Amino acid sequence: MASLRNLNLPKIQRAGVITIGGMLLVIAAIGAYFIFRDQSLVQKHKKTPAAQALIVDTATSSFTDLDNKKVSLNNDIGKVIVVMSWASWCPQCGGDLETLGAIAKDYQGKKVSVLAINRAEDKYSAERFLATLHVPSELRIVLDPTDHYFAHSDGYAMPETIIYRPDGTEALHQRGDIQNDELRKAIDDVLK
């Protein structure tokens, strides 16, 4: 490969090529940093309860949003994560979803991820149920067609709410209804 000096380019064009090449190297280095940082964070927490329940092998299962787009929860690992398992056939889930929605709104901008993961229902059933509630858009609704989360979070009752610490361990595992004040206190305790 010919060096830049051997090319018959005016001096100013050589400088431009060198500048562009340098910028591309810097951009590639920054991109590599973020990719490897995210992967190392996931690897660091791979054996934690949060990672085992929230990170899925996309070949065998996947999480989606209400628009049927795949959702990766890898970036949530390392934050305080509040997850509620819910389904349209669960009468208590409606009130808890509204409580969780208010919490998602209030903790927006803090290092708290608030998720409502549906238990293996189709999009139509989930949307029909959600249409009867007042759930703010800040609450991330996730569909789990294979029920991966519930199976890997030691799920037993409905609704069920778990708060994960940033290190991926459980701070709270509440089976059944949860009270607004109790949930906020548990989140605030983990944030301290």
Protein backbone atom coordinates (compact mmCIF):
# COMPACT_ATOMS: atom_id res chain seq x y z
CA MET A 1 0.00 0.00 0.00
CA ALA A 2 1.39 3.37 -0.97
CA SER A 3 2.11 5.87 1.74
CA LEU A 4 0.48 9.29 1.72
CA ARG A 5 3.80 10.89 0.79
CA ASN A 6 4.04 8.82 -2.39
CA LEU A 7 0.58 9.92 -3.55
CA ASN A 8 0.59 12.85 -5.91
CA LEU A 9 -1.75 14.91 -3.75
CA PRO A 10 -1.26 18.53 -2.92
CA LYS A 11 -0.09 19.11 0.65
CA ILE A 12 -3.51 20.41 1.76
CA GLN A 13 -5.30 17.29 0.46
CA ARG A 14 -2.83 15.02 2.30
CA ALA A 15 -3.56 16.93 5.50
CA GLY A 16 -7.29 16.49 4.91
CA VAL A 17 -6.89 12.73 4.36
CA ILE A 18 -4.83 12.44 7.53
CA THR A 19 -7.39 14.48 9.51
CA ILE A 20 -10.32 12.38 8.26
CA GLY A 21 -8.42 9.15 8.95
CA GLY A 22 -7.63 10.31 12.47
CA MET A 23 -11.25 11.26 13.10
CA LEU A 24 -12.42 7.85 11.90
CA LEU A 25 -9.98 6.15 14.27
CA VAL A 26 -11.24 8.23 17.20
CA ILE A 27 -14.88 7.44 16.34
CA ALA A 28 -14.07 3.72 16.05
CA ALA A 29 -12.28 3.79 19.41
CA ILE A 30 -15.22 5.51 21.11
CA GLY A 31 -17.67 3.03 19.59
CA ALA A 32 -15.54 0.08 20.68
CA TYR A 33 -15.37 1.49 24.21
CA PHE A 34 -19.17 1.64 24.53
CA ILE A 35 -19.69 -1.79 23.00
CA PHE A 36 -17.12 -3.50 25.23
CA ARG A 37 -18.21 -1.53 28.30
CA ASP A 38 -21.82 -2.75 27.87
CA GLN A 39 -20.65 -6.33 27.26
CA SER A 40 -18.34 -6.30 30.27
CA LEU A 41 -21.12 -4.91 32.47
CA VAL A 42 -23.43 -7.71 31.34
CA GLN A 43 -20.65 -10.30 31.85
CA LYS A 44 -19.91 -8.92 35.33
CA HIS A 45 -23.54 -9.33 36.39
CA LYS A 46 -24.27 -12.48 34.32
CA LYS A 47 -24.79 -14.76 37.32
CA THR A 48 -27.01 -12.34 39.25
CA PRO A 49 -30.75 -12.83 39.65
CA ALA A 50 -31.41 -9.71 37.53
CA ALA A 51 -29.29 -10.90 34.62
CA GLN A 52 -30.69 -14.42 34.69
CA ALA A 53 -34.25 -13.11 34.53
CA LEU A 54 -33.81 -10.10 32.23
CA ILE A 55 -31.20 -11.20 29.68
CA VAL A 56 -32.60 -13.59 27.11
CA ASP A 57 -31.06 -15.65 24.36
CA THR A 58 -32.79 -14.12 21.37
CA ALA A 59 -32.58 -17.42 19.50
CA THR A 60 -34.97 -19.10 21.94
CA SER A 61 -37.02 -16.23 23.33
CA SER A 62 -37.31 -12.49 23.23
CA PHE A 63 -38.96 -9.55 24.83
CA THR A 64 -40.96 -7.15 22.65
CA ASP A 65 -42.72 -3.85 23.07
CA LEU A 66 -46.33 -3.19 22.12
CA ASP A 67 -45.20 -2.45 18.55
CA ASN A 68 -43.74 -5.99 18.31
CA LYS A 69 -40.19 -4.62 18.22
CA LYS A 70 -37.56 -6.64 20.09
CA VAL A 71 -36.54 -5.15 23.41
CA SER A 72 -33.14 -5.74 24.99
CA LEU A 73 -32.95 -5.22 28.72
CA ASN A 74 -29.13 -5.53 28.84
CA ASN A 75 -28.72 -1.77 29.30
CA ASP A 76 -30.88 -1.89 32.42
CA ILE A 77 -28.34 -4.09 34.20
CA GLY A 78 -26.33 -1.89 36.57
CA LYS A 79 -29.27 0.35 37.49
CA VAL A 80 -31.94 -0.02 40.13
CA ILE A 81 -34.54 -2.09 38.28
CA VAL A 82 -38.16 -2.34 39.37
CA VAL A 83 -40.09 -5.10 37.59
CA MET A 84 -43.69 -6.10 37.95
CA SER A 85 -45.05 -9.29 36.38
CA TRP A 86 -48.62 -8.79 35.19
CA ALA A 87 -51.36 -10.26 33.02
CA SER A 88 -54.80 -9.15 31.90
CA TRP A 89 -56.43 -12.06 33.76
CA CYS A 90 -55.02 -10.77 37.08
CA PRO A 91 -57.59 -8.42 38.68
CA GLN A 92 -55.09 -6.90 41.14
CA CYS A 93 -52.61 -6.08 38.35
CA GLY A 94 -54.55 -3.05 37.14
CA GLY A 95 -54.09 -1.02 40.32
CA ASP A 96 -50.47 -2.10 40.66
CA LEU A 97 -49.74 -1.09 37.04
CA GLU A 98 -51.13 2.38 37.74
CA THR A 99 -49.01 2.63 40.91
CA LEU A 100 -45.95 1.45 38.98
CA GLY A 101 -46.69 3.99 36.23
CA ALA A 102 -46.71 6.84 38.74
CA ILE A 103 -43.41 5.59 40.15
CA ALA A 104 -41.89 5.39 36.66
CA LYS A 105 -42.92 8.99 36.08
CA ASP A 106 -41.55 10.22 39.42
CA TYR A 107 -38.21 8.40 39.13
CA GLN A 108 -37.62 9.35 35.50
CA GLY A 109 -34.12 10.76 35.03
CA LYS A 110 -32.74 8.87 38.02
CA LYS A 111 -30.81 5.62 37.69
CA VAL A 112 -34.02 3.62 38.03
CA SER A 113 -35.53 1.46 35.31
CA VAL A 114 -39.22 0.62 35.81
CA LEU A 115 -40.65 -2.27 33.78
CA ALA A 116 -43.99 -4.02 33.58
CA ILE A 117 -43.42 -7.45 32.01
CA ASN A 118 -46.50 -9.21 30.69
CA ARG A 119 -46.80 -12.95 31.25
CA ALA A 120 -47.03 -14.70 27.89
CA GLU A 121 -50.12 -12.95 26.56
CA ASP A 122 -50.68 -11.80 23.02
CA LYS A 123 -50.38 -8.12 22.15
CA TYR A 124 -54.14 -7.72 21.65
CA SER A 125 -55.01 -8.96 25.18
CA ALA A 126 -52.32 -6.80 26.77
CA GLU A 127 -53.37 -3.66 24.88
CA ARG A 128 -57.05 -4.19 25.62
CA PHE A 129 -56.32 -4.47 29.33
CA LEU A 130 -53.97 -1.45 29.34
CA ALA A 131 -56.63 0.64 27.55
CA THR A 132 -58.81 0.37 30.67
CA LEU A 133 -56.09 1.86 32.89
CA HIS A 134 -54.37 5.19 33.36
CA VAL A 135 -50.76 4.15 32.84
CA PRO A 136 -48.33 6.94 31.88
CA SER A 137 -46.04 6.47 28.90
CA GLU A 138 -42.99 6.55 31.20
CA LEU A 139 -43.78 2.98 32.28
CA ARG A 140 -42.01 0.56 29.95
CA ILE A 141 -44.40 -2.18 28.94
CA VAL A 142 -42.65 -5.37 27.86
CA LEU A 143 -44.31 -8.43 26.38
CA ASP A 144 -42.73 -11.77 27.24
CA PRO A 145 -44.32 -14.36 24.93
CA THR A 146 -42.33 -17.28 26.39
CA ASP A 147 -42.82 -16.24 30.05
CA HIS A 148 -39.02 -16.25 30.44
CA TYR A 149 -38.92 -13.54 33.08
CA PHE A 150 -41.48 -15.11 35.43
CA ALA A 151 -39.85 -18.54 35.12
CA HIS A 152 -36.37 -17.16 35.83
CA SER A 153 -37.35 -14.80 38.66
CA ASP A 154 -38.73 -17.46 40.99
CA GLY A 155 -42.23 -16.25 40.16
CA TYR A 156 -45.09 -17.72 42.13
CA ALA A 157 -47.97 -15.24 42.56
CA MET A 158 -49.62 -12.48 40.60
CA PRO A 159 -48.87 -9.65 40.57
CA GLU A 160 -45.27 -9.92 41.61
CA THR A 161 -42.84 -7.03 41.98
CA ILE A 162 -39.07 -7.28 42.32
CA ILE A 163 -36.56 -4.51 42.92
CA TYR A 164 -33.02 -5.33 41.81
CA ARG A 165 -30.01 -3.47 43.16
CA PRO A 166 -27.42 -2.12 40.68
CA ASP A 167 -25.26 -5.20 41.45
CA GLY A 168 -28.13 -7.42 40.20
CA THR A 169 -29.20 -8.85 43.56
CA GLU A 170 -32.77 -8.63 44.84
CA ALA A 171 -33.61 -5.86 47.28
CA LEU A 172 -37.32 -6.73 47.45
CA HIS A 173 -39.47 -9.56 46.13
CA GLN A 174 -43.12 -8.80 46.83
CA ARG A 175 -45.73 -11.40 45.96
CA GLY A 176 -49.23 -9.96 45.57
CA ASP A 177 -50.28 -6.34 45.78
CA ILE A 178 -47.73 -3.74 46.69
CA GLN A 179 -48.41 -0.41 48.32
CA ASN A 180 -47.16 2.81 46.76
CA ASP A 181 -45.35 4.00 49.93
CA GLU A 182 -43.74 0.61 50.49
CA LEU A 183 -42.42 0.47 46.93
CA ARG A 184 -41.06 4.04 47.04
CA LYS A 185 -39.33 3.40 50.38
CA ALA A 186 -37.67 0.26 49.01
CA ILE A 187 -36.47 2.11 45.89
CA ASP A 188 -35.18 5.05 47.96
CA ASP A 189 -33.33 2.65 50.29
CA VAL A 190 -31.53 1.08 47.33
CA LEU A 191 -30.70 4.49 45.85
CA LYS A 192 -28.98 5.64 49.09
